[in-house]
Every structure is written in structure tokens, then in C-alpha cells.
Amino acid sequence: MKRLGHLFLFLVLVSGCTGPSQTPDLIWGKKGVMPGDLTRPRAITVDGQGRLWIVDFTARVQAYNAQGEYLGITFTTPDYRNGRPSGLGVTREGRLIVCDSHYHCVRIYDEQAKECQVLGGQAGAGPGQFGYISDCVQDAEGYFYISEFGSNERITKLDANGQFVKTFGQPGLAEGEFNRPRALALGPDQNLYVADACNHRIQVFSREGQYLRSIGSEGKGLGQLSYPYDLTFDQKGNLYVVERGNHRLQKFQIDGTSLGTWGQPGRKAGELHDPWALAVDSNGDVHIVDTENHRIQKVRW
């Protein structure tokens, strides 16, 4: 009986039953410019009401439910002639954060999608000034953390009123340095996780900016990364990373141990083409922004 038990466990492992099905639970979205359509979607988040917000390359920010049904809400930032927003998030109250990347500010919207706060707005490298903003998160104490790349490769910390606290990081390849910090997530350990895209790794910092450790190295194997563009945690404390370079989703334990991958390059169901972003909802479903396929794929893992 003991041998049979070991054989059964082996068969389960090699058959892939411990991971998600390669067939997505849901695929939705189509290319277009009509309300509810998507054109190269580039960021996603889930707000306090469970709504999915998505911004695409037309600069539209649109709201959907978890089944991909358009909720009739679309807005844009005040001006997008210089470029479109590239990061979305939520405040500790569940309000929508929009990173107005080319206008050097972060805009916060209330439950009716009305702008209620603006952080930053002045271009530069000085305290409280910003370059190209890629993402923003807020911790339970109210502090905001804003990632920048291009002219500034760093993280800026602001208080709840938008007042400057500190910056950390600089351009480079060494520990604590950045080469296109693309996305941020606060872990269950209350540390800050940074998708350091062109260094092909996730860097972990304390909220005071102290470098703690890294996850991943460049490659295609388990535990390796290629242009990680977004990251988030589920309610169990697992880390999900979407890799633009490997056209896949990868799941990690919080210590950096890989739990497997989902997806491969392509256009079919279960395949991804240039995925930019992801979000996990309260049900544990992972919504993957399949950018160049102009759609969202939902996976239960």
C-alpha cells in the first residue's frame, strides 16, 4: 500500500494536477475603441467594490465586473497628448489610483470616478518631483510609494497628504539599484516588492527603503524571470508575477520558491502575447492582461 501511495503521488505531480489547468477559466475582451472594448490594455486593479479597472493604449480607464462585463464607466485623465497612464492601484480606502505617467503625478478617484487628490505634478529629480511614474501603492499607515524610471530610477515615499518623505534607489545592476522598476506590491510581511523589469528580478525592501533580498534571475526556467512587468499577492500570501519576456504567469511562495508557471507565447486560449499586468480578486482568481491579444484571461490557481 505504501508503494501504491508513492506511485499515486508521483502520477499527480507529473500530470500537473497540482497546478492550474492550462485552459483559462474565462477569456474576455476584444480589440476596439467602442465603450467596453480594449486596445492594448496595459494595467489592471481591483477596487474596494470588487470592480476591475483597466487602462489601455487609448488612455481610457474602464470598469468591469469579475466576469468581464462592462459596467458603463469610462473616463480619461485630463490630458493624454504626452502619453497614457501606465499603472493602476487602490488606496487603503479602496479608491482608485491612476499613475499619470507622462504628467509626473498620481491621481486618485473616488467611488464615482471623480478625481479627489493629486500627488506630485512637477517634473524633475528633486524631492517631491517625478520622472516617468510606473506604479503607486499605499500602505496601511497611509504612506504612498511611487516607482519611477527613465530620468529617475527610484522609489519615492510620500505621506498620506502627499508630502515628501524620502527616496531610495538609483540606476544600476547592484542590490538596491534599478533598471526600469515597473510595478510595486506590498507583501503580507509588510515589505515592499518591486518588479525590477530590465534586471529580471523582484527586489524586496523594508518600507523605510532598506534592501532585504531579491527573487529571480534572468532566464526561462522555474524561478527565473524575463522582464517581470507586474506583481501581486493573493490572500494566502503567494506572489504572482507576470513576465512580458517569457509570455507567462509565475507563482512564488513569499520566500521566492517557484510554485510553477502558466501560459506560453501565442494567440490561442491559455497563450499570452506581451502580457503587461495582472490582478487577483477576493475569490483568488487571477486576471491576466494579455496586452497584444487585446483581452483578459482569468485563471483559478
C-alpha atoms as a PDB file:
ATOM      1  CA  MET A   1       0.000   0.000   0.000  1.00  0.00           C
ATOM      2  CA  LYS A   2       2.872   2.370   0.770  1.00  0.00           C
ATOM      3  CA  ARG A   3       4.315   1.847  -2.735  1.00  0.00           C
ATOM      4  CA  LEU A   4       0.904   2.494  -4.281  1.00  0.00           C
ATOM      5  CA  GLY A   5       0.627   5.736  -2.315  1.00  0.00           C
ATOM      6  CA  HIS A   6       4.010   6.896  -3.555  1.00  0.00           C
ATOM      7  CA  LEU A   7       3.075   5.944  -7.124  1.00  0.00           C
ATOM      8  CA  PHE A   8      -0.177   7.905  -6.890  1.00  0.00           C
ATOM      9  CA  LEU A   9       1.644  10.990  -5.604  1.00  0.00           C
ATOM     10  CA  PHE A  10       4.170  10.724  -8.434  1.00  0.00           C
ATOM     11  CA  LEU A  11       1.397  10.499 -11.041  1.00  0.00           C
ATOM     12  CA  VAL A  12      -0.352  13.532  -9.596  1.00  0.00           C
ATOM     13  CA  LEU A  13       2.834  15.567  -9.736  1.00  0.00           C
ATOM     14  CA  VAL A  14       3.825  14.631 -13.278  1.00  0.00           C
ATOM     15  CA  SER A  15       0.308  15.077 -14.597  1.00  0.00           C
ATOM     16  CA  GLY A  16       0.297  18.712 -13.472  1.00  0.00           C
ATOM     17  CA  CYS A  17      -2.808  18.353 -11.292  1.00  0.00           C
ATOM     18  CA  THR A  18      -1.166  20.389  -8.549  1.00  0.00           C
ATOM     19  CA  GLY A  19      -1.128  23.479 -10.781  1.00  0.00           C
ATOM     20  CA  PRO A  20      -3.819  25.329 -12.720  1.00  0.00           C
ATOM     21  CA  SER A  21      -5.349  23.979 -15.891  1.00  0.00           C
ATOM     22  CA  GLN A  22      -3.729  25.439 -18.985  1.00  0.00           C
ATOM     23  CA  THR A  23      -7.250  26.217 -20.159  1.00  0.00           C
ATOM     24  CA  PRO A  24      -8.286  29.577 -18.694  1.00  0.00           C
ATOM     25  CA  ASP A  25     -11.495  29.815 -16.704  1.00  0.00           C
ATOM     26  CA  LEU A  26     -12.573  32.812 -18.751  1.00  0.00           C
ATOM     27  CA  ILE A  27     -11.378  34.867 -21.724  1.00  0.00           C
ATOM     28  CA  TRP A  28     -12.970  38.208 -22.469  1.00  0.00           C
ATOM     29  CA  GLY A  29     -12.370  41.438 -24.331  1.00  0.00           C
ATOM     30  CA  LYS A  30     -11.996  42.394 -27.975  1.00  0.00           C
ATOM     31  CA  LYS A  31      -9.947  44.947 -29.843  1.00  0.00           C
ATOM     32  CA  GLY A  32     -11.759  48.178 -30.483  1.00  0.00           C
ATOM     33  CA  VAL A  33     -12.485  51.750 -29.428  1.00  0.00           C
ATOM     34  CA  MET A  34     -16.151  51.414 -28.521  1.00  0.00           C
ATOM     35  CA  PRO A  35     -17.107  51.504 -24.812  1.00  0.00           C
ATOM     36  CA  GLY A  36     -16.031  48.255 -23.166  1.00  0.00           C
ATOM     37  CA  ASP A  37     -13.577  47.356 -25.945  1.00  0.00           C
ATOM     38  CA  LEU A  38      -9.847  47.069 -25.306  1.00  0.00           C
ATOM     39  CA  THR A  39      -6.887  48.291 -27.326  1.00  0.00           C
ATOM     40  CA  ARG A  40      -3.612  47.020 -25.942  1.00  0.00           C
ATOM     41  CA  PRO A  41      -4.649  47.030 -22.259  1.00  0.00           C
ATOM     42  CA  ARG A  42      -1.692  47.878 -20.042  1.00  0.00           C
ATOM     43  CA  ALA A  43      -2.719  47.939 -16.350  1.00  0.00           C
ATOM     44  CA  ILE A  44      -5.418  46.483 -14.095  1.00  0.00           C
ATOM     45  CA  THR A  45      -6.531  46.658 -10.477  1.00  0.00           C
ATOM     46  CA  VAL A  46      -9.455  45.633  -8.253  1.00  0.00           C
ATOM     47  CA  ASP A  47     -11.079  48.374  -6.169  1.00  0.00           C
ATOM     48  CA  GLY A  48     -12.847  48.186  -2.813  1.00  0.00           C
ATOM     49  CA  GLN A  49     -16.121  47.282  -4.523  1.00  0.00           C
ATOM     50  CA  GLY A  50     -14.613  44.368  -6.430  1.00  0.00           C
ATOM     51  CA  ARG A  51     -14.680  46.217  -9.746  1.00  0.00           C
ATOM     52  CA  LEU A  52     -11.896  45.600 -12.269  1.00  0.00           C
ATOM     53  CA  TRP A  53     -10.400  48.810 -13.644  1.00  0.00           C
ATOM     54  CA  ILE A  54      -8.336  48.617 -16.828  1.00  0.00           C
ATOM     55  CA  VAL A  55      -6.436  51.301 -18.713  1.00  0.00           C
ATOM     56  CA  ASP A  56      -5.475  50.735 -22.353  1.00  0.00           C
ATOM     57  CA  PHE A  57      -3.397  52.468 -25.025  1.00  0.00           C
ATOM     58  CA  THR A  58      -6.288  54.768 -25.955  1.00  0.00           C
ATOM     59  CA  ALA A  59      -5.913  56.273 -22.436  1.00  0.00           C
ATOM     60  CA  ARG A  60      -9.377  55.052 -21.404  1.00  0.00           C
ATOM     61  CA  VAL A  61      -9.852  53.828 -17.837  1.00  0.00           C
ATOM     62  CA  GLN A  62     -12.843  51.460 -17.839  1.00  0.00           C
ATOM     63  CA  ALA A  63     -14.708  49.448 -15.196  1.00  0.00           C
ATOM     64  CA  TYR A  64     -15.801  45.803 -15.449  1.00  0.00           C
ATOM     65  CA  ASN A  65     -17.089  43.123 -13.123  1.00  0.00           C
ATOM     66  CA  ALA A  66     -15.169  39.907 -12.436  1.00  0.00           C
ATOM     67  CA  GLN A  67     -16.958  38.202 -15.349  1.00  0.00           C
ATOM     68  CA  GLY A  68     -15.663  40.787 -17.800  1.00  0.00           C
ATOM     69  CA  GLU A  69     -18.943  42.636 -18.191  1.00  0.00           C
ATOM     70  CA  TYR A  70     -18.513  46.337 -18.915  1.00  0.00           C
ATOM     71  CA  LEU A  71     -20.101  48.446 -16.177  1.00  0.00           C
ATOM     72  CA  GLY A  72     -20.715  51.547 -18.260  1.00  0.00           C
ATOM     73  CA  ILE A  73     -17.967  53.659 -16.674  1.00  0.00           C
ATOM     74  CA  THR A  74     -15.190  55.152 -18.809  1.00  0.00           C
ATOM     75  CA  PHE A  75     -13.007  58.174 -18.139  1.00  0.00           C
ATOM     76  CA  THR A  76      -9.634  59.582 -19.114  1.00  0.00           C
ATOM     77  CA  THR A  77      -7.067  61.684 -17.305  1.00  0.00           C
ATOM     78  CA  PRO A  78      -7.297  65.439 -18.020  1.00  0.00           C
ATOM     79  CA  ASP A  79      -4.701  65.333 -20.803  1.00  0.00           C
ATOM     80  CA  TYR A  80      -3.013  62.428 -22.544  1.00  0.00           C
ATOM     81  CA  ARG A  81      -1.342  64.037 -25.542  1.00  0.00           C
ATOM     82  CA  ASN A  82       2.081  63.338 -23.986  1.00  0.00           C
ATOM     83  CA  GLY A  83       1.223  59.706 -23.164  1.00  0.00           C
ATOM     84  CA  ARG A  84      -1.166  57.421 -21.349  1.00  0.00           C
ATOM     85  CA  PRO A  85      -1.355  56.231 -17.743  1.00  0.00           C
ATOM     86  CA  SER A  86       0.593  53.020 -17.160  1.00  0.00           C
ATOM     87  CA  GLY A  87      -0.176  51.987 -13.586  1.00  0.00           C
ATOM     88  CA  LEU A  88      -3.312  51.426 -11.514  1.00  0.00           C
ATOM     89  CA  GLY A  89      -3.832  50.642  -7.842  1.00  0.00           C
ATOM     90  CA  VAL A  90      -6.094  51.234  -4.870  1.00  0.00           C
ATOM     91  CA  THR A  91      -5.727  53.279  -1.696  1.00  0.00           C
ATOM     92  CA  ARG A  92      -6.235  51.844   1.771  1.00  0.00           C
ATOM     93  CA  GLU A  93      -9.870  53.046   1.496  1.00  0.00           C
ATOM     94  CA  GLY A  94     -10.324  51.193  -1.802  1.00  0.00           C
ATOM     95  CA  ARG A  95     -10.194  54.282  -4.025  1.00  0.00           C
ATOM     96  CA  LEU A  96      -8.688  54.110  -7.485  1.00  0.00           C
ATOM     97  CA  ILE A  97      -5.068  55.182  -8.057  1.00  0.00           C
ATOM     98  CA  VAL A  98      -4.122  56.208 -11.601  1.00  0.00           C
ATOM     99  CA  CYS A  99      -0.444  56.799 -12.390  1.00  0.00           C
ATOM    100  CA  ASP A 100      -0.478  59.655 -14.889  1.00  0.00           C
ATOM    101  CA  SER A 101       2.959  58.629 -16.025  1.00  0.00           C
ATOM    102  CA  HIS A 102       3.865  61.303 -18.566  1.00  0.00           C
ATOM    103  CA  TYR A 103       2.427  64.105 -16.443  1.00  0.00           C
ATOM    104  CA  HIS A 104       4.582  63.252 -13.409  1.00  0.00           C
ATOM    105  CA  CYS A 105       1.706  62.763 -10.985  1.00  0.00           C
ATOM    106  CA  VAL A 106      -0.608  60.257  -9.346  1.00  0.00           C
ATOM    107  CA  ARG A 107      -4.363  60.878  -9.481  1.00  0.00           C
ATOM    108  CA  ILE A 108      -6.821  59.374  -7.005  1.00  0.00           C
ATOM    109  CA  TYR A 109     -10.503  58.898  -7.840  1.00  0.00           C
ATOM    110  CA  ASP A 110     -13.474  58.305  -5.569  1.00  0.00           C
ATOM    111  CA  GLU A 111     -16.161  55.622  -5.905  1.00  0.00           C
ATOM    112  CA  GLN A 112     -17.927  57.651  -8.633  1.00  0.00           C
ATOM    113  CA  ALA A 113     -14.669  58.008 -10.627  1.00  0.00           C
ATOM    114  CA  LYS A 114     -14.303  61.683  -9.660  1.00  0.00           C
ATOM    115  CA  GLU A 115     -10.784  62.971  -9.053  1.00  0.00           C
ATOM    116  CA  CYS A 116     -10.288  63.738  -5.347  1.00  0.00           C
ATOM    117  CA  GLN A 117      -6.499  64.008  -4.850  1.00  0.00           C
ATOM    118  CA  VAL A 118      -3.361  64.614  -6.917  1.00  0.00           C
ATOM    119  CA  LEU A 119       0.147  63.676  -5.787  1.00  0.00           C
ATOM    120  CA  GLY A 120       3.112  65.380  -7.428  1.00  0.00           C
ATOM    121  CA  GLY A 121       2.835  67.050 -10.798  1.00  0.00           C
ATOM    122  CA  GLN A 122       6.248  68.665 -11.187  1.00  0.00           C
ATOM    123  CA  ALA A 123       8.875  67.082 -13.420  1.00  0.00           C
ATOM    124  CA  GLY A 124      12.387  66.731 -12.070  1.00  0.00           C
ATOM    125  CA  ALA A 125      14.749  64.819  -9.817  1.00  0.00           C
ATOM    126  CA  GLY A 126      14.362  66.838  -6.626  1.00  0.00           C
ATOM    127  CA  PRO A 127      12.343  65.960  -3.515  1.00  0.00           C
ATOM    128  CA  GLY A 128       8.687  65.549  -4.460  1.00  0.00           C
ATOM    129  CA  GLN A 129       9.439  65.811  -8.186  1.00  0.00           C
ATOM    130  CA  PHE A 130       8.920  62.923 -10.575  1.00  0.00           C
ATOM    131  CA  GLY A 131      10.057  61.474 -13.854  1.00  0.00           C
ATOM    132  CA  TYR A 132       8.081  58.733 -15.593  1.00  0.00           C
ATOM    133  CA  ILE A 133       5.800  57.206 -12.953  1.00  0.00           C
ATOM    134  CA  SER A 134       5.115  53.495 -13.408  1.00  0.00           C
ATOM    135  CA  ASP A 135       3.197  52.460 -10.267  1.00  0.00           C
ATOM    136  CA  CYS A 136       1.964  53.517  -6.836  1.00  0.00           C
ATOM    137  CA  VAL A 137       0.821  51.667  -3.699  1.00  0.00           C
ATOM    138  CA  GLN A 138      -0.362  52.870  -0.296  1.00  0.00           C
ATOM    139  CA  ASP A 139       0.320  51.080   2.988  1.00  0.00           C
ATOM    140  CA  ALA A 140      -1.984  50.726   5.996  1.00  0.00           C
ATOM    141  CA  GLU A 141      -0.397  53.752   7.687  1.00  0.00           C
ATOM    142  CA  GLY A 142      -1.209  55.944   4.691  1.00  0.00           C
ATOM    143  CA  TYR A 143       2.238  56.277   3.129  1.00  0.00           C
ATOM    144  CA  PHE A 144       2.450  56.202  -0.664  1.00  0.00           C
ATOM    145  CA  TYR A 145       5.298  54.525  -2.565  1.00  0.00           C
ATOM    146  CA  ILE A 146       5.809  55.636  -6.176  1.00  0.00           C
ATOM    147  CA  SER A 147       8.136  53.978  -8.673  1.00  0.00           C
ATOM    148  CA  GLU A 148       9.835  55.945 -11.431  1.00  0.00           C
ATOM    149  CA  PHE A 149      12.107  55.095 -14.317  1.00  0.00           C
ATOM    150  CA  GLY A 150      13.770  56.860 -17.201  1.00  0.00           C
ATOM    151  CA  SER A 151      15.154  60.087 -15.779  1.00  0.00           C
ATOM    152  CA  ASN A 152      14.766  58.745 -12.214  1.00  0.00           C
ATOM    153  CA  GLU A 153      15.295  55.069 -11.353  1.00  0.00           C
ATOM    154  CA  ARG A 154      13.981  55.086  -7.806  1.00  0.00           C
ATOM    155  CA  ILE A 155      11.135  54.807  -5.315  1.00  0.00           C
ATOM    156  CA  THR A 156       9.670  57.938  -3.721  1.00  0.00           C
ATOM    157  CA  LYS A 157       7.824  57.766  -0.396  1.00  0.00           C
ATOM    158  CA  LEU A 158       5.124  60.358   0.428  1.00  0.00           C
ATOM    159  CA  ASP A 159       2.869  60.722   3.450  1.00  0.00           C
ATOM    160  CA  ALA A 160      -0.933  60.462   3.249  1.00  0.00           C
ATOM    161  CA  ASN A 161      -1.181  64.171   2.344  1.00  0.00           C
ATOM    162  CA  GLY A 162       1.323  63.825  -0.471  1.00  0.00           C
ATOM    163  CA  GLN A 163       4.228  65.409   1.389  1.00  0.00           C
ATOM    164  CA  PHE A 164       7.720  64.162   0.524  1.00  0.00           C
ATOM    165  CA  VAL A 165       9.335  61.726   2.975  1.00  0.00           C
ATOM    166  CA  LYS A 166      12.290  60.147   1.168  1.00  0.00           C
ATOM    167  CA  THR A 167      13.602  58.444  -1.964  1.00  0.00           C
ATOM    168  CA  PHE A 168      15.640  55.279  -2.336  1.00  0.00           C
ATOM    169  CA  GLY A 169      17.317  53.506  -5.217  1.00  0.00           C
ATOM    170  CA  GLN A 170      19.365  54.619  -8.192  1.00  0.00           C
ATOM    171  CA  PRO A 171      20.202  53.350 -11.700  1.00  0.00           C
ATOM    172  CA  GLY A 172      22.274  50.182 -11.821  1.00  0.00           C
ATOM    173  CA  LEU A 173      22.568  46.418 -11.581  1.00  0.00           C
ATOM    174  CA  ALA A 174      23.668  46.020  -7.962  1.00  0.00           C
ATOM    175  CA  GLU A 175      21.462  45.188  -4.989  1.00  0.00           C
ATOM    176  CA  GLY A 176      19.102  48.049  -4.265  1.00  0.00           C
ATOM    177  CA  GLU A 177      19.611  49.581  -7.712  1.00  0.00           C
ATOM    178  CA  PHE A 178      17.036  49.624 -10.513  1.00  0.00           C
ATOM    179  CA  ASN A 179      16.737  49.232 -14.247  1.00  0.00           C
ATOM    180  CA  ARG A 180      13.099  50.098 -15.006  1.00  0.00           C
ATOM    181  CA  PRO A 181      11.183  49.483 -11.781  1.00  0.00           C
ATOM    182  CA  ARG A 182       7.876  48.605 -13.385  1.00  0.00           C
ATOM    183  CA  ALA A 183       5.461  47.689 -10.581  1.00  0.00           C
ATOM    184  CA  LEU A 184       5.055  47.583  -6.792  1.00  0.00           C
ATOM    185  CA  ALA A 185       3.246  45.379  -4.285  1.00  0.00           C
ATOM    186  CA  LEU A 186       3.079  45.327  -0.512  1.00  0.00           C
ATOM    187  CA  GLY A 187       3.559  41.821   0.842  1.00  0.00           C
ATOM    188  CA  PRO A 188       1.868  40.141   3.806  1.00  0.00           C
ATOM    189  CA  ASP A 189       5.175  40.720   5.625  1.00  0.00           C
ATOM    190  CA  GLN A 190       4.564  44.477   5.104  1.00  0.00           C
ATOM    191  CA  ASN A 191       7.646  44.752   2.912  1.00  0.00           C
ATOM    192  CA  LEU A 192       7.717  46.423  -0.496  1.00  0.00           C
ATOM    193  CA  TYR A 193       8.191  44.164  -3.549  1.00  0.00           C
ATOM    194  CA  VAL A 194       9.481  45.823  -6.732  1.00  0.00           C
ATOM    195  CA  ALA A 195       9.364  44.367 -10.247  1.00  0.00           C
ATOM    196  CA  ASP A 196      12.828  45.453 -11.451  1.00  0.00           C
ATOM    197  CA  ALA A 197      11.955  44.663 -15.054  1.00  0.00           C
ATOM    198  CA  CYS A 198      15.171  45.074 -17.030  1.00  0.00           C
ATOM    199  CA  ASN A 199      17.220  43.492 -14.227  1.00  0.00           C
ATOM    200  CA  HIS A 200      14.884  40.460 -14.466  1.00  0.00           C
ATOM    201  CA  ARG A 201      14.233  40.208 -10.742  1.00  0.00           C
ATOM    202  CA  ILE A 202      11.956  41.136  -7.893  1.00  0.00           C
ATOM    203  CA  GLN A 203      13.660  43.229  -5.211  1.00  0.00           C
ATOM    204  CA  VAL A 204      12.343  43.344  -1.659  1.00  0.00           C
ATOM    205  CA  PHE A 205      12.717  46.391   0.599  1.00  0.00           C
ATOM    206  CA  SER A 206      11.531  47.447   4.006  1.00  0.00           C
ATOM    207  CA  ARG A 207       9.115  50.367   3.919  1.00  0.00           C
ATOM    208  CA  GLU A 208      11.995  52.550   5.073  1.00  0.00           C
ATOM    209  CA  GLY A 209      13.891  51.657   1.895  1.00  0.00           C
ATOM    210  CA  GLN A 210      16.346  49.110   3.254  1.00  0.00           C
ATOM    211  CA  TYR A 211      17.248  46.437   0.691  1.00  0.00           C
ATOM    212  CA  LEU A 212      16.393  42.961   2.006  1.00  0.00           C
ATOM    213  CA  ARG A 213      16.684  40.383  -0.774  1.00  0.00           C
ATOM    214  CA  SER A 214      15.934  39.514  -4.404  1.00  0.00           C
ATOM    215  CA  ILE A 215      13.819  36.879  -6.130  1.00  0.00           C
ATOM    216  CA  GLY A 216      14.693  35.505  -9.564  1.00  0.00           C
ATOM    217  CA  SER A 217      17.382  35.844 -12.190  1.00  0.00           C
ATOM    218  CA  GLU A 218      17.246  36.167 -15.963  1.00  0.00           C
ATOM    219  CA  GLY A 219      16.078  33.041 -17.776  1.00  0.00           C
ATOM    220  CA  LYS A 220      13.213  30.784 -18.804  1.00  0.00           C
ATOM    221  CA  GLY A 221      13.410  28.121 -16.078  1.00  0.00           C
ATOM    222  CA  LEU A 222      11.364  27.814 -12.927  1.00  0.00           C
ATOM    223  CA  GLY A 223      12.279  30.603 -10.553  1.00  0.00           C
ATOM    224  CA  GLN A 224      13.818  32.643 -13.359  1.00  0.00           C
ATOM    225  CA  LEU A 225      12.283  35.749 -14.876  1.00  0.00           C
ATOM    226  CA  SER A 226      12.272  37.691 -18.124  1.00  0.00           C
ATOM    227  CA  TYR A 227      11.055  41.281 -17.932  1.00  0.00           C
ATOM    228  CA  PRO A 228       8.717  40.969 -14.939  1.00  0.00           C
ATOM    229  CA  TYR A 229       6.163  43.719 -15.600  1.00  0.00           C
ATOM    230  CA  ASP A 230       3.689  43.336 -12.770  1.00  0.00           C
ATOM    231  CA  LEU A 231       3.264  41.506  -9.479  1.00  0.00           C
ATOM    232  CA  THR A 232       0.662  40.987  -6.773  1.00  0.00           C
ATOM    233  CA  PHE A 233      -0.171  38.806  -3.778  1.00  0.00           C
ATOM    234  CA  ASP A 234      -3.181  36.625  -3.107  1.00  0.00           C
ATOM    235  CA  GLN A 235      -4.933  36.338   0.249  1.00  0.00           C
ATOM    236  CA  LYS A 236      -2.814  33.299   1.136  1.00  0.00           C
ATOM    237  CA  GLY A 237       0.408  35.274   0.765  1.00  0.00           C
ATOM    238  CA  ASN A 238       1.529  33.799  -2.561  1.00  0.00           C
ATOM    239  CA  LEU A 239       3.271  36.084  -5.029  1.00  0.00           C
ATOM    240  CA  TYR A 240       2.219  36.208  -8.694  1.00  0.00           C
ATOM    241  CA  VAL A 241       4.458  37.728 -11.359  1.00  0.00           C
ATOM    242  CA  VAL A 242       3.568  38.342 -15.000  1.00  0.00           C
ATOM    243  CA  GLU A 243       6.584  38.108 -17.309  1.00  0.00           C
ATOM    244  CA  ARG A 244       6.420  40.101 -20.502  1.00  0.00           C
ATOM    245  CA  GLY A 245       9.559  38.444 -21.872  1.00  0.00           C
ATOM    246  CA  ASN A 246       8.517  34.844 -21.185  1.00  0.00           C
ATOM    247  CA  HIS A 247       4.823  35.447 -22.006  1.00  0.00           C
ATOM    248  CA  ARG A 248       3.689  33.705 -18.835  1.00  0.00           C
ATOM    249  CA  LEU A 249       2.484  33.940 -15.263  1.00  0.00           C
ATOM    250  CA  GLN A 250       4.648  32.590 -12.459  1.00  0.00           C
ATOM    251  CA  LYS A 251       3.625  31.866  -8.864  1.00  0.00           C
ATOM    252  CA  PHE A 252       6.034  32.035  -5.916  1.00  0.00           C
ATOM    253  CA  GLN A 253       5.959  31.415  -2.228  1.00  0.00           C
ATOM    254  CA  ILE A 254       6.890  34.535  -0.310  1.00  0.00           C
ATOM    255  CA  ASP A 255      10.416  33.140   0.222  1.00  0.00           C
ATOM    256  CA  GLY A 256      10.956  33.083  -3.564  1.00  0.00           C
ATOM    257  CA  THR A 257      10.348  29.376  -4.187  1.00  0.00           C
ATOM    258  CA  SER A 258       8.636  28.939  -7.559  1.00  0.00           C
ATOM    259  CA  LEU A 259       5.333  27.061  -7.494  1.00  0.00           C
ATOM    260  CA  GLY A 260       5.076  26.801 -11.272  1.00  0.00           C
ATOM    261  CA  THR A 261       4.116  28.772 -14.365  1.00  0.00           C
ATOM    262  CA  TRP A 262       1.050  29.259 -16.511  1.00  0.00           C
ATOM    263  CA  GLY A 263       0.888  30.256 -20.157  1.00  0.00           C
ATOM    264  CA  GLN A 264       3.182  30.288 -23.173  1.00  0.00           C
ATOM    265  CA  PRO A 265       3.673  32.518 -26.232  1.00  0.00           C
ATOM    266  CA  GLY A 266       0.784  32.581 -28.674  1.00  0.00           C
ATOM    267  CA  ARG A 267      -2.688  33.726 -29.602  1.00  0.00           C
ATOM    268  CA  LYS A 268      -4.826  30.777 -28.511  1.00  0.00           C
ATOM    269  CA  ALA A 269      -6.626  30.196 -25.232  1.00  0.00           C
ATOM    270  CA  GLY A 270      -4.042  29.687 -22.491  1.00  0.00           C
ATOM    271  CA  GLU A 271      -1.394  31.521 -24.520  1.00  0.00           C
ATOM    272  CA  LEU A 272      -0.151  35.059 -23.955  1.00  0.00           C
ATOM    273  CA  HIS A 273       1.372  37.736 -26.150  1.00  0.00           C
ATOM    274  CA  ASP A 274       3.231  40.530 -24.333  1.00  0.00           C
ATOM    275  CA  PRO A 275       1.312  40.395 -21.041  1.00  0.00           C
ATOM    276  CA  TRP A 276       1.743  43.637 -19.097  1.00  0.00           C
ATOM    277  CA  ALA A 277      -0.245  43.294 -15.908  1.00  0.00           C
ATOM    278  CA  LEU A 278      -2.348  41.197 -13.551  1.00  0.00           C
ATOM    279  CA  ALA A 279      -4.676  41.420 -10.564  1.00  0.00           C
ATOM    280  CA  VAL A 280      -6.009  38.915  -8.032  1.00  0.00           C
ATOM    281  CA  ASP A 281      -9.569  39.369  -6.772  1.00  0.00           C
ATOM    282  CA  SER A 282     -11.109  38.389  -3.423  1.00  0.00           C
ATOM    283  CA  ASN A 283     -12.094  34.974  -4.824  1.00  0.00           C
ATOM    284  CA  GLY A 284      -8.456  34.180  -5.639  1.00  0.00           C
ATOM    285  CA  ASP A 285      -8.968  34.463  -9.400  1.00  0.00           C
ATOM    286  CA  VAL A 286      -6.001  35.840 -11.348  1.00  0.00           C
ATOM    287  CA  HIS A 287      -6.890  38.279 -14.140  1.00  0.00           C
ATOM    288  CA  ILE A 288      -4.037  38.491 -16.678  1.00  0.00           C
ATOM    289  CA  VAL A 289      -3.778  41.452 -19.039  1.00  0.00           C
ATOM    290  CA  ASP A 290      -2.924  39.781 -22.363  1.00  0.00           C
ATOM    291  CA  THR A 291      -1.852  43.056 -23.952  1.00  0.00           C
ATOM    292  CA  GLU A 292      -1.130  42.296 -27.599  1.00  0.00           C
ATOM    293  CA  ASN A 293      -4.068  39.887 -27.763  1.00  0.00           C
ATOM    294  CA  HIS A 294      -6.329  42.737 -26.568  1.00  0.00           C
ATOM    295  CA  ARG A 295      -8.012  40.601 -23.925  1.00  0.00           C
ATOM    296  CA  ILE A 296      -8.096  39.386 -20.329  1.00  0.00           C
ATOM    297  CA  GLN A 297      -7.610  35.763 -19.326  1.00  0.00           C
ATOM    298  CA  LYS A 298      -8.834  34.589 -15.916  1.00  0.00           C
ATOM    299  CA  VAL A 299      -7.159  31.684 -14.125  1.00  0.00           C
ATOM    300  CA  ARG A 300      -8.007  30.000 -10.840  1.00  0.00           C
ATOM    301  CA  TRP A 301      -4.751  28.846  -9.193  1.00  0.00           C
END
